[in-house]
PDB file of N, CA and C in Angstrom:
ATOM      1  N   MET A   1       0.856  -1.208   0.004  1.00  0.00           N
ATOM      2  CA  MET A   1       0.011  -0.002  -0.002  1.00  0.00           C
ATOM      3  C   MET A   1       0.870   1.228  -0.002  1.00  0.00           C
ATOM      4  N   THR A   2       0.578   2.175  -0.837  1.00  0.00           N
ATOM      5  CA  THR A   2       1.344   3.394  -0.934  1.00  0.00           C
ATOM      6  C   THR A   2       0.497   4.636  -0.590  1.00  0.00           C
ATOM      7  N   GLU A   3       1.199   5.620  -0.159  1.00  0.00           N
ATOM      8  CA  GLU A   3       0.553   6.917   0.092  1.00  0.00           C
ATOM      9  C   GLU A   3       0.408   7.630  -1.275  1.00  0.00           C
ATOM     10  N   PRO A   4      -0.357   8.705  -1.306  1.00  0.00           N
ATOM     11  CA  PRO A   4      -0.484   9.404  -2.591  1.00  0.00           C
ATOM     12  C   PRO A   4       0.847   9.952  -3.135  1.00  0.00           C
ATOM     13  N   THR A   5       1.839  10.152  -2.245  1.00  0.00           N
ATOM     14  CA  THR A   5       3.113  10.705  -2.684  1.00  0.00           C
ATOM     15  C   THR A   5       3.974   9.625  -3.375  1.00  0.00           C
ATOM     16  N   GLY A   6       3.582   8.388  -3.273  1.00  0.00           N
ATOM     17  CA  GLY A   6       4.356   7.324  -3.894  1.00  0.00           C
ATOM     18  C   GLY A   6       5.286   6.620  -2.902  1.00  0.00           C
ATOM     19  N   PHE A   7       5.438   7.196  -1.688  1.00  0.00           N
ATOM     20  CA  PHE A   7       6.271   6.549  -0.697  1.00  0.00           C
ATOM     21  C   PHE A   7       5.449   5.437  -0.017  1.00  0.00           C
ATOM     22  N   PRO A   8       6.094   4.319   0.357  1.00  0.00           N
ATOM     23  CA  PRO A   8       5.338   3.277   1.028  1.00  0.00           C
ATOM     24  C   PRO A   8       4.830   3.754   2.385  1.00  0.00           C
ATOM     25  N   ALA A   9       3.666   3.289   2.718  1.00  0.00           N
ATOM     26  CA  ALA A   9       3.065   3.654   4.024  1.00  0.00           C
ATOM     27  C   ALA A   9       3.906   3.083   5.150  1.00  0.00           C
ATOM     28  N   LEU A  10       4.027   3.797   6.207  1.00  0.00           N
ATOM     29  CA  LEU A  10       4.764   3.301   7.346  1.00  0.00           C
ATOM     30  C   LEU A  10       3.978   2.206   8.049  1.00  0.00           C
ATOM     31  N   THR A  11       4.617   1.089   8.221  1.00  0.00           N
ATOM     32  CA  THR A  11       3.984   0.010   8.951  1.00  0.00           C
ATOM     33  C   THR A  11       4.238   0.199  10.421  1.00  0.00           C
ATOM     34  N   SER A  12       3.539  -0.570  11.195  1.00  0.00           N
ATOM     35  CA  SER A  12       3.772  -0.527  12.651  1.00  0.00           C
ATOM     36  C   SER A  12       5.204  -0.879  13.021  1.00  0.00           C
ATOM     37  N   ALA A  13       5.756  -1.865  12.315  1.00  0.00           N
ATOM     38  CA  ALA A  13       7.146  -2.267  12.638  1.00  0.00           C
ATOM     39  C   ALA A  13       8.134  -1.194  12.293  1.00  0.00           C
ATOM     40  N   SER A  14       7.929  -0.501  11.174  1.00  0.00           N
ATOM     41  CA  SER A  14       8.889   0.533  10.828  1.00  0.00           C
ATOM     42  C   SER A  14       8.771   1.775  11.732  1.00  0.00           C
ATOM     43  N   ARG A  15       7.514   2.019  12.207  1.00  0.00           N
ATOM     44  CA  ARG A  15       7.304   3.106  13.168  1.00  0.00           C
ATOM     45  C   ARG A  15       8.014   2.758  14.512  1.00  0.00           C
ATOM     46  N   ASN A  16       7.904   1.502  14.918  1.00  0.00           N
ATOM     47  CA  ASN A  16       8.589   1.099  16.147  1.00  0.00           C
ATOM     48  C   ASN A  16      10.105   1.166  15.984  1.00  0.00           C
ATOM     49  N   LEU A  17      10.572   0.848  14.822  1.00  0.00           N
ATOM     50  CA  LEU A  17      12.045   0.914  14.563  1.00  0.00           C
ATOM     51  C   LEU A  17      12.486   2.385  14.621  1.00  0.00           C
ATOM     52  N   ASP A  18      11.698   3.275  14.038  1.00  0.00           N
ATOM     53  CA  ASP A  18      12.039   4.683  14.156  1.00  0.00           C
ATOM     54  C   ASP A  18      12.054   5.196  15.581  1.00  0.00           C
ATOM     55  N   LEU A  19      11.099   4.740  16.405  1.00  0.00           N
ATOM     56  CA  LEU A  19      11.107   5.138  17.797  1.00  0.00           C
ATOM     57  C   LEU A  19      12.316   4.556  18.540  1.00  0.00           C
ATOM     58  N   THR A  20      12.680   3.334  18.196  1.00  0.00           N
ATOM     59  CA  THR A  20      13.835   2.734  18.827  1.00  0.00           C
ATOM     60  C   THR A  20      15.121   3.506  18.468  1.00  0.00           C
ATOM     61  N   ARG A  21      15.206   3.867  17.211  1.00  0.00           N
ATOM     62  CA  ARG A  21      16.365   4.673  16.814  1.00  0.00           C
ATOM     63  C   ARG A  21      16.359   6.018  17.484  1.00  0.00           C
ATOM     64  N   ALA A  22      15.231   6.639  17.625  1.00  0.00           N
ATOM     65  CA  ALA A  22      15.186   7.961  18.296  1.00  0.00           C
ATOM     66  C   ALA A  22      15.575   7.814  19.760  1.00  0.00           C
ATOM     67  N   ARG A  23      15.121   6.728  20.407  1.00  0.00           N
ATOM     68  CA  ARG A  23      15.491   6.546  21.826  1.00  0.00           C
ATOM     69  C   ARG A  23      17.001   6.276  21.936  1.00  0.00           C
ATOM     70  N   LEU A  24      17.562   5.466  21.057  1.00  0.00           N
ATOM     71  CA  LEU A  24      18.998   5.220  21.128  1.00  0.00           C
ATOM     72  C   LEU A  24      19.782   6.492  20.880  1.00  0.00           C
ATOM     73  N   LEU A  25      19.322   7.332  19.937  1.00  0.00           N
ATOM     74  CA  LEU A  25      20.007   8.578  19.683  1.00  0.00           C
ATOM     75  C   LEU A  25      19.912   9.508  20.913  1.00  0.00           C
ATOM     76  N   ALA A  26      18.769   9.545  21.586  1.00  0.00           N
ATOM     77  CA  ALA A  26      18.619  10.353  22.780  1.00  0.00           C
ATOM     78  C   ALA A  26      19.553   9.860  23.855  1.00  0.00           C
ATOM     79  N   ILE A  27      19.668   8.563  24.046  1.00  0.00           N
ATOM     80  CA  ILE A  27      20.545   8.000  25.100  1.00  0.00           C
ATOM     81  C   ILE A  27      21.991   8.330  24.720  1.00  0.00           C
ATOM     82  N   TRP A  28      22.368   8.139  23.440  1.00  0.00           N
ATOM     83  CA  TRP A  28      23.735   8.455  23.024  1.00  0.00           C
ATOM     84  C   TRP A  28      24.058   9.907  23.254  1.00  0.00           C
ATOM     85  N   PHE A  29      23.120  10.767  22.921  1.00  0.00           N
ATOM     86  CA  PHE A  29      23.325  12.225  23.091  1.00  0.00           C
ATOM     87  C   PHE A  29      23.513  12.575  24.550  1.00  0.00           C
ATOM     88  N   SER A  30      22.726  12.008  25.438  1.00  0.00           N
ATOM     89  CA  SER A  30      22.826  12.356  26.831  1.00  0.00           C
ATOM     90  C   SER A  30      24.133  11.770  27.462  1.00  0.00           C
ATOM     91  N   VAL A  31      24.541  10.573  27.031  1.00  0.00           N
ATOM     92  CA  VAL A  31      25.717   9.944  27.632  1.00  0.00           C
ATOM     93  C   VAL A  31      26.995  10.631  27.119  1.00  0.00           C
ATOM     94  N   PHE A  32      27.061  10.925  25.821  1.00  0.00           N
ATOM     95  CA  PHE A  32      28.312  11.418  25.276  1.00  0.00           C
ATOM     96  C   PHE A  32      28.418  12.915  25.212  1.00  0.00           C
ATOM     97  N   ILE A  33      27.306  13.647  25.354  1.00  0.00           N
ATOM     98  CA  ILE A  33      27.379  15.081  25.176  1.00  0.00           C
ATOM     99  C   ILE A  33      26.870  15.818  26.430  1.00  0.00           C
ATOM    100  N   VAL A  34      25.667  15.522  26.918  1.00  0.00           N
ATOM    101  CA  VAL A  34      25.074  16.268  28.021  1.00  0.00           C
ATOM    102  C   VAL A  34      25.823  15.973  29.327  1.00  0.00           C
ATOM    103  N   ILE A  35      26.047  14.748  29.650  1.00  0.00           N
ATOM    104  CA  ILE A  35      26.671  14.387  30.933  1.00  0.00           C
ATOM    105  C   ILE A  35      28.133  14.937  31.002  1.00  0.00           C
ATOM    106  N   PRO A  36      28.953  14.733  29.935  1.00  0.00           N
ATOM    107  CA  PRO A  36      30.330  15.343  30.074  1.00  0.00           C
ATOM    108  C   PRO A  36      30.300  16.854  30.193  1.00  0.00           C
ATOM    109  N   ILE A  37      29.412  17.539  29.481  1.00  0.00           N
ATOM    110  CA  ILE A  37      29.357  18.970  29.542  1.00  0.00           C
ATOM    111  C   ILE A  37      28.910  19.425  30.968  1.00  0.00           C
ATOM    112  N   SER A  38      27.886  18.739  31.516  1.00  0.00           N
ATOM    113  CA  SER A  38      27.441  19.104  32.836  1.00  0.00           C
ATOM    114  C   SER A  38      28.484  18.824  33.896  1.00  0.00           C
ATOM    115  N   ASP A  39      29.236  17.707  33.736  1.00  0.00           N
ATOM    116  CA  ASP A  39      30.326  17.446  34.671  1.00  0.00           C
ATOM    117  C   ASP A  39      31.420  18.493  34.607  1.00  0.00           C
ATOM    118  N   HIS A  40      31.719  18.930  33.375  1.00  0.00           N
ATOM    119  CA  HIS A  40      32.712  19.998  33.212  1.00  0.00           C
ATOM    120  C   HIS A  40      32.229  21.315  33.841  1.00  0.00           C
ATOM    121  N   LEU A  41      30.974  21.655  33.596  1.00  0.00           N
ATOM    122  CA  LEU A  41      30.461  22.894  34.186  1.00  0.00           C
ATOM    123  C   LEU A  41      30.363  22.838  35.722  1.00  0.00           C
ATOM    124  N   ARG A  42      30.147  21.642  36.243  1.00  0.00           N
ATOM    125  CA  ARG A  42      30.103  21.484  37.695  1.00  0.00           C
ATOM    126  C   ARG A  42      31.450  21.708  38.347  1.00  0.00           C
ATOM    127  N   ASN A  43      32.507  21.408  37.610  1.00  0.00           N
ATOM    128  CA  ASN A  43      33.863  21.565  38.140  1.00  0.00           C
ATOM    129  C   ASN A  43      34.451  22.948  38.005  1.00  0.00           C
ATOM    130  N   ILE A  44      33.738  23.851  37.313  1.00  0.00           N
ATOM    131  CA  ILE A  44      34.193  25.230  37.191  1.00  0.00           C
ATOM    132  C   ILE A  44      33.884  25.969  38.497  1.00  0.00           C
ATOM    133  N   PRO A  45      34.880  26.502  39.200  1.00  0.00           N
ATOM    134  CA  PRO A  45      34.627  27.240  40.429  1.00  0.00           C
ATOM    135  C   PRO A  45      33.911  28.561  40.106  1.00  0.00           C
ATOM    136  N   LEU A  46      32.772  28.789  40.739  1.00  0.00           N
ATOM    137  CA  LEU A  46      31.924  29.922  40.412  1.00  0.00           C
ATOM    138  C   LEU A  46      32.433  31.215  41.113  1.00  0.00           C
ATOM    139  N   GLU A  47      32.894  31.113  42.355  1.00  0.00           N
ATOM    140  CA  GLU A  47      33.294  32.317  43.087  1.00  0.00           C
ATOM    141  C   GLU A  47      34.438  33.084  42.419  1.00  0.00           C
ATOM    142  N   PRO A  48      35.517  32.406  42.044  1.00  0.00           N
ATOM    143  CA  PRO A  48      36.606  33.178  41.391  1.00  0.00           C
ATOM    144  C   PRO A  48      36.174  33.766  40.110  1.00  0.00           C
ATOM    145  N   THR A  49      35.255  33.126  39.380  1.00  0.00           N
ATOM    146  CA  THR A  49      34.783  33.655  38.128  1.00  0.00           C
ATOM    147  C   THR A  49      34.042  34.981  38.384  1.00  0.00           C
ATOM    148  N   ILE A  50      33.181  34.993  39.363  1.00  0.00           N
ATOM    149  CA  ILE A  50      32.397  36.187  39.714  1.00  0.00           C
ATOM    150  C   ILE A  50      33.376  37.309  40.158  1.00  0.00           C
ATOM    151  N   SER A  51      34.351  36.944  40.935  1.00  0.00           N
ATOM    152  CA  SER A  51      35.384  37.909  41.406  1.00  0.00           C
ATOM    153  C   SER A  51      36.150  38.500  40.244  1.00  0.00           C
ATOM    154  N   ASN A  52      36.498  37.662  39.305  1.00  0.00           N
ATOM    155  CA  ASN A  52      37.286  38.151  38.151  1.00  0.00           C
ATOM    156  C   ASN A  52      36.451  39.091  37.288  1.00  0.00           C
ATOM    157  N   ILE A  53      35.202  38.761  37.122  1.00  0.00           N
ATOM    158  CA  ILE A  53      34.286  39.633  36.351  1.00  0.00           C
ATOM    159  C   ILE A  53      34.145  40.980  37.061  1.00  0.00           C
ATOM    160  N   ALA A  54      34.017  40.948  38.393  1.00  0.00           N
ATOM    161  CA  ALA A  54      33.875  42.198  39.123  1.00  0.00           C
ATOM    162  C   ALA A  54      35.099  43.045  39.026  1.00  0.00           C
ATOM    163  N   ARG A  55      36.283  42.402  39.085  1.00  0.00           N
ATOM    164  CA  ARG A  55      37.538  43.181  39.008  1.00  0.00           C
ATOM    165  C   ARG A  55      37.649  43.783  37.615  1.00  0.00           C
ATOM    166  N   ARG A  56      37.320  43.051  36.577  1.00  0.00           N
ATOM    167  CA  ARG A  56      37.432  43.595  35.224  1.00  0.00           C
ATOM    168  C   ARG A  56      36.484  44.742  34.999  1.00  0.00           C
ATOM    169  N   LEU A  57      35.333  44.720  35.684  1.00  0.00           N
ATOM    170  CA  LEU A  57      34.377  45.801  35.515  1.00  0.00           C
ATOM    171  C   LEU A  57      34.652  46.948  36.490  1.00  0.00           C
ATOM    172  N   ASN A  58      35.690  46.802  37.333  1.00  0.00           N
ATOM    173  CA  ASN A  58      36.086  47.869  38.280  1.00  0.00           C
ATOM    174  C   ASN A  58      34.992  48.147  39.316  1.00  0.00           C
ATOM    175  N   PHE A  59      34.230  47.150  39.666  1.00  0.00           N
ATOM    176  CA  PHE A  59      33.250  47.366  40.739  1.00  0.00           C
ATOM    177  C   PHE A  59      33.806  46.976  42.101  1.00  0.00           C
ATOM    178  N   GLY A  60      34.822  46.129  42.084  1.00  0.00           N
ATOM    179  CA  GLY A  60      35.342  45.622  43.346  1.00  0.00           C
ATOM    180  C   GLY A  60      34.527  44.440  43.788  1.00  0.00           C
ATOM    181  N   VAL A  61      35.214  43.519  44.490  1.00  0.00           N
ATOM    182  CA  VAL A  61      34.528  42.295  44.907  1.00  0.00           C
ATOM    183  C   VAL A  61      33.462  42.570  45.954  1.00  0.00           C
ATOM    184  N   ASP A  62      33.668  43.564  46.780  1.00  0.00           N
ATOM    185  CA  ASP A  62      32.724  43.822  47.886  1.00  0.00           C
ATOM    186  C   ASP A  62      31.380  44.367  47.380  1.00  0.00           C
ATOM    187  N   ALA A  63      31.344  44.909  46.187  1.00  0.00           N
ATOM    188  CA  ALA A  63      30.145  45.501  45.659  1.00  0.00           C
ATOM    189  C   ALA A  63      29.132  44.415  45.223  1.00  0.00           C
ATOM    190  N   ILE A  64      29.592  43.199  45.047  1.00  0.00           N
ATOM    191  CA  ILE A  64      28.662  42.149  44.608  1.00  0.00           C
ATOM    192  C   ILE A  64      28.030  41.478  45.769  1.00  0.00           C
TER     193      ILE A  64
END
């Protein structure tokens, strides 16, 4: 059975395969991209960064 565009209609099995691929892609993305970036951001010390920004803007650390 074909759609009017000439492409074959998606069967239930191919829809499930697409969902499985999407889930695997989401897992891969979170494991290899989101988790390493969040770990890296967690290790950045926030206080010295704020102090450096304040010094560069000449506000002084006490003003923040």
